[in-house]
């Protein structure tokens, strides 16, 4: 159970960090394009929240199967 929780926490943590980095990159690319094209851009809080929620959904679904498999074997083998 502890190993399952550890794997899921890691998947969630990486998903959140990946989502934040993706949003930051999008924001800075948008600023660059706004400056280069002289076109105003707007960012929707709903879209940003949706993007972060989607990263969590993908992270959980991608981490659930490996976490479940790792929880069914010896901890030394799972961490190795």
N, C-alpha and C. Protein backbone atom coordinates (compact mmCIF):
# COMPACT_ATOMS: atom_id res chain seq x y z
N UNK A 1 0.82 -1.20 0.00
CA UNK A 1 0.00 0.00 0.00
C UNK A 1 0.86 1.26 0.00
N UNK A 2 1.94 1.25 0.79
CA UNK A 2 2.82 2.41 0.85
C UNK A 2 3.52 2.64 -0.48
N UNK A 3 3.91 1.56 -1.12
CA UNK A 3 4.57 1.67 -2.41
C UNK A 3 3.62 2.22 -3.47
N UNK A 4 2.39 1.78 -3.44
CA UNK A 4 1.37 2.29 -4.36
C UNK A 4 1.19 3.79 -4.15
N UNK A 5 1.11 4.21 -2.90
CA UNK A 5 0.96 5.63 -2.59
C UNK A 5 2.18 6.42 -3.04
N UNK A 6 3.36 5.86 -2.86
CA UNK A 6 4.59 6.55 -3.27
C UNK A 6 4.63 6.73 -4.79
N UNK A 7 4.30 5.71 -5.54
CA UNK A 7 4.30 5.80 -6.99
C UNK A 7 3.25 6.79 -7.49
N UNK A 8 2.07 6.75 -6.88
CA UNK A 8 1.02 7.69 -7.29
C UNK A 8 1.38 9.12 -6.94
N UNK A 9 1.99 9.33 -5.77
CA UNK A 9 2.42 10.67 -5.39
C UNK A 9 3.47 11.19 -6.37
N UNK A 10 4.39 10.33 -6.76
CA UNK A 10 5.41 10.73 -7.73
C UNK A 10 4.77 11.10 -9.07
N UNK A 11 3.82 10.32 -9.51
CA UNK A 11 3.13 10.61 -10.77
C UNK A 11 2.38 11.94 -10.68
N UNK A 12 1.72 12.18 -9.57
CA UNK A 12 1.00 13.44 -9.38
C UNK A 12 1.97 14.62 -9.33
N UNK A 13 3.05 14.45 -8.60
CA UNK A 13 4.04 15.52 -8.47
C UNK A 13 4.63 15.89 -9.83
N UNK A 14 5.03 14.88 -10.59
CA UNK A 14 5.60 15.13 -11.91
C UNK A 14 4.58 15.75 -12.85
N UNK A 15 3.33 15.35 -12.72
CA UNK A 15 2.27 15.92 -13.55
C UNK A 15 2.06 17.39 -13.23
N UNK A 16 2.02 17.72 -11.96
CA UNK A 16 1.82 19.12 -11.56
C UNK A 16 2.99 19.98 -12.03
N UNK A 17 4.21 19.50 -11.83
CA UNK A 17 5.39 20.25 -12.27
C UNK A 17 5.38 20.39 -13.79
N UNK A 18 5.06 19.32 -14.50
CA UNK A 18 4.99 19.38 -15.96
C UNK A 18 3.93 20.35 -16.43
N UNK A 19 2.79 20.37 -15.77
CA UNK A 19 1.73 21.30 -16.12
C UNK A 19 2.15 22.74 -15.90
N UNK A 20 2.80 23.01 -14.78
CA UNK A 20 3.27 24.36 -14.48
C UNK A 20 4.31 24.81 -15.49
N UNK A 21 5.23 23.94 -15.83
CA UNK A 21 6.26 24.28 -16.83
C UNK A 21 5.59 24.52 -18.19
N UNK A 22 4.64 23.69 -18.56
CA UNK A 22 3.94 23.87 -19.83
C UNK A 22 3.18 25.18 -19.89
N UNK A 23 2.52 25.53 -18.81
CA UNK A 23 1.78 26.79 -18.76
C UNK A 23 2.75 27.97 -18.83
N UNK A 24 3.87 27.87 -18.12
CA UNK A 24 4.87 28.95 -18.15
C UNK A 24 5.46 29.12 -19.55
N UNK A 25 5.79 28.02 -20.20
CA UNK A 25 6.34 28.10 -21.56
C UNK A 25 5.31 28.72 -22.50
N UNK A 26 4.07 28.31 -22.38
CA UNK A 26 3.01 28.87 -23.21
C UNK A 26 2.86 30.36 -22.97
N UNK A 27 2.93 30.78 -21.72
CA UNK A 27 2.81 32.19 -21.38
C UNK A 27 3.96 33.00 -22.02
N UNK A 28 5.19 32.50 -21.89
CA UNK A 28 6.34 33.25 -22.43
C UNK A 28 6.37 33.24 -23.95
N UNK A 29 5.97 32.15 -24.56
CA UNK A 29 5.86 32.13 -26.03
C UNK A 29 4.78 33.10 -26.48
N UNK A 30 3.68 33.15 -25.74
CA UNK A 30 2.61 34.10 -26.04
C UNK A 30 3.09 35.54 -25.93
N UNK A 31 3.88 35.83 -24.88
CA UNK A 31 4.43 37.18 -24.74
C UNK A 31 5.35 37.53 -25.91
N UNK A 32 6.18 36.57 -26.31
CA UNK A 32 7.08 36.78 -27.43
C UNK A 32 6.29 37.05 -28.71
N UNK A 33 5.28 36.23 -28.97
CA UNK A 33 4.47 36.41 -30.17
C UNK A 33 3.68 37.72 -30.12
N UNK A 34 3.20 38.06 -28.96
CA UNK A 34 2.47 39.31 -28.81
C UNK A 34 3.37 40.50 -29.13
N UNK A 35 4.60 40.43 -28.70
CA UNK A 35 5.55 41.50 -28.98
C UNK A 35 5.93 41.54 -30.47
N UNK A 36 6.19 40.37 -31.04
CA UNK A 36 6.62 40.30 -32.45
C UNK A 36 5.50 40.63 -33.43
N UNK A 37 4.29 40.20 -33.12
CA UNK A 37 3.18 40.40 -34.05
C UNK A 37 2.34 41.63 -33.72
N UNK A 38 2.63 42.28 -32.62
CA UNK A 38 1.87 43.45 -32.16
C UNK A 38 0.37 43.15 -32.10
N UNK A 39 0.07 41.97 -31.59
CA UNK A 39 -1.32 41.53 -31.46
C UNK A 39 -1.58 41.21 -29.99
N UNK A 40 -2.63 41.77 -29.42
CA UNK A 40 -2.90 41.47 -28.02
C UNK A 40 -3.41 40.04 -27.84
N UNK A 41 -2.92 39.38 -26.83
CA UNK A 41 -3.36 38.02 -26.50
C UNK A 41 -3.99 38.05 -25.12
N UNK A 42 -4.90 37.16 -24.89
CA UNK A 42 -5.50 37.05 -23.56
C UNK A 42 -5.42 35.60 -23.10
N UNK A 43 -5.37 35.42 -21.81
CA UNK A 43 -5.27 34.10 -21.22
C UNK A 43 -6.50 33.88 -20.33
N UNK A 44 -7.11 32.76 -20.49
CA UNK A 44 -8.30 32.43 -19.72
C UNK A 44 -7.89 31.58 -18.51
N UNK A 45 -8.35 31.99 -17.34
CA UNK A 45 -8.08 31.21 -16.14
C UNK A 45 -8.70 29.82 -16.26
N UNK A 46 -9.85 29.73 -16.89
CA UNK A 46 -10.52 28.44 -17.08
C UNK A 46 -9.67 27.51 -17.94
N UNK A 47 -9.08 28.05 -19.01
CA UNK A 47 -8.23 27.23 -19.88
C UNK A 47 -6.98 26.76 -19.14
N UNK A 48 -6.41 27.64 -18.34
CA UNK A 48 -5.21 27.26 -17.58
C UNK A 48 -5.56 26.18 -16.55
N UNK A 49 -6.69 26.35 -15.87
CA UNK A 49 -7.13 25.36 -14.90
C UNK A 49 -7.43 24.02 -15.58
N UNK A 50 -8.08 24.07 -16.75
CA UNK A 50 -8.37 22.86 -17.51
C UNK A 50 -7.08 22.15 -17.91
N UNK A 51 -6.08 22.91 -18.34
CA UNK A 51 -4.80 22.31 -18.73
C UNK A 51 -4.15 21.61 -17.54
N UNK A 52 -4.19 22.23 -16.38
CA UNK A 52 -3.58 21.62 -15.20
C UNK A 52 -4.34 20.37 -14.77
N UNK A 53 -5.66 20.42 -14.84
CA UNK A 53 -6.47 19.24 -14.48
C UNK A 53 -6.18 18.10 -15.46
N UNK A 54 -6.04 18.42 -16.73
CA UNK A 54 -5.74 17.38 -17.72
C UNK A 54 -4.37 16.75 -17.47
N UNK A 55 -3.39 17.55 -17.05
CA UNK A 55 -2.07 16.96 -16.73
C UNK A 55 -2.20 16.01 -15.55
N UNK A 56 -3.05 16.35 -14.60
CA UNK A 56 -3.26 15.45 -13.46
C UNK A 56 -3.95 14.15 -13.90
N UNK A 57 -4.94 14.27 -14.76
CA UNK A 57 -5.64 13.07 -15.25
C UNK A 57 -4.69 12.16 -16.02
N UNK A 58 -3.89 12.76 -16.88
CA UNK A 58 -2.93 11.96 -17.65
C UNK A 58 -1.87 11.36 -16.73
N UNK A 59 -1.40 12.14 -15.77
CA UNK A 59 -0.39 11.63 -14.83
C UNK A 59 -0.90 10.49 -13.99
N UNK A 60 -2.13 10.61 -13.50
CA UNK A 60 -2.72 9.54 -12.70
C UNK A 60 -2.93 8.29 -13.54
N UNK A 61 -3.49 8.48 -14.74
CA UNK A 61 -3.74 7.29 -15.57
C UNK A 61 -2.45 6.65 -16.06
N UNK A 62 -1.42 7.44 -16.30
CA UNK A 62 -0.14 6.86 -16.73
C UNK A 62 0.62 6.24 -15.55
N UNK A 63 0.36 6.71 -14.35
CA UNK A 63 1.07 6.19 -13.19
C UNK A 63 0.34 5.09 -12.45
N UNK A 64 -0.94 4.91 -12.72
CA UNK A 64 -1.73 3.95 -11.96
C UNK A 64 -1.32 2.51 -12.23
N UNK A 65 -1.17 2.13 -13.49
CA UNK A 65 -0.81 0.75 -13.81
C UNK A 65 0.58 0.38 -13.29
N UNK A 66 1.62 1.20 -13.54
CA UNK A 66 2.93 0.87 -12.96
C UNK A 66 2.90 0.83 -11.43
N UNK A 67 2.14 1.74 -10.83
CA UNK A 67 2.05 1.76 -9.36
C UNK A 67 1.38 0.49 -8.85
N UNK A 68 0.33 0.06 -9.52
CA UNK A 68 -0.36 -1.17 -9.12
C UNK A 68 0.55 -2.38 -9.27
N UNK A 69 1.26 -2.46 -10.40
CA UNK A 69 2.18 -3.58 -10.61
C UNK A 69 3.29 -3.58 -9.58
N UNK A 70 3.82 -2.39 -9.27
CA UNK A 70 4.91 -2.30 -8.30
C UNK A 70 4.44 -2.66 -6.90
N UNK A 71 3.18 -2.40 -6.59
CA UNK A 71 2.67 -2.71 -5.26
C UNK A 71 2.46 -4.21 -5.06
N UNK A 72 2.47 -4.97 -6.13
CA UNK A 72 2.26 -6.42 -6.03
C UNK A 72 3.55 -7.22 -6.02
N UNK A 73 4.71 -6.56 -6.06
CA UNK A 73 5.98 -7.29 -6.01
C UNK A 73 6.77 -6.81 -4.78
N UNK A 74 7.89 -7.42 -4.54
CA UNK A 74 8.73 -7.04 -3.40
C UNK A 74 9.21 -5.60 -3.55
N UNK A 75 9.22 -4.84 -2.45
CA UNK A 75 9.63 -3.42 -2.53
C UNK A 75 11.02 -3.22 -3.11
N UNK A 76 11.94 -4.10 -2.82
CA UNK A 76 13.30 -3.95 -3.35
C UNK A 76 13.31 -4.07 -4.87
N UNK A 77 12.52 -4.99 -5.39
CA UNK A 77 12.43 -5.16 -6.85
C UNK A 77 11.72 -3.97 -7.49
N UNK A 78 10.68 -3.46 -6.84
CA UNK A 78 9.91 -2.36 -7.40
C UNK A 78 10.72 -1.07 -7.49
N UNK A 79 11.57 -0.83 -6.52
CA UNK A 79 12.35 0.40 -6.48
C UNK A 79 13.63 0.28 -7.30
N UNK A 80 13.99 -0.91 -7.69
CA UNK A 80 15.24 -1.13 -8.41
C UNK A 80 15.14 -0.91 -9.89
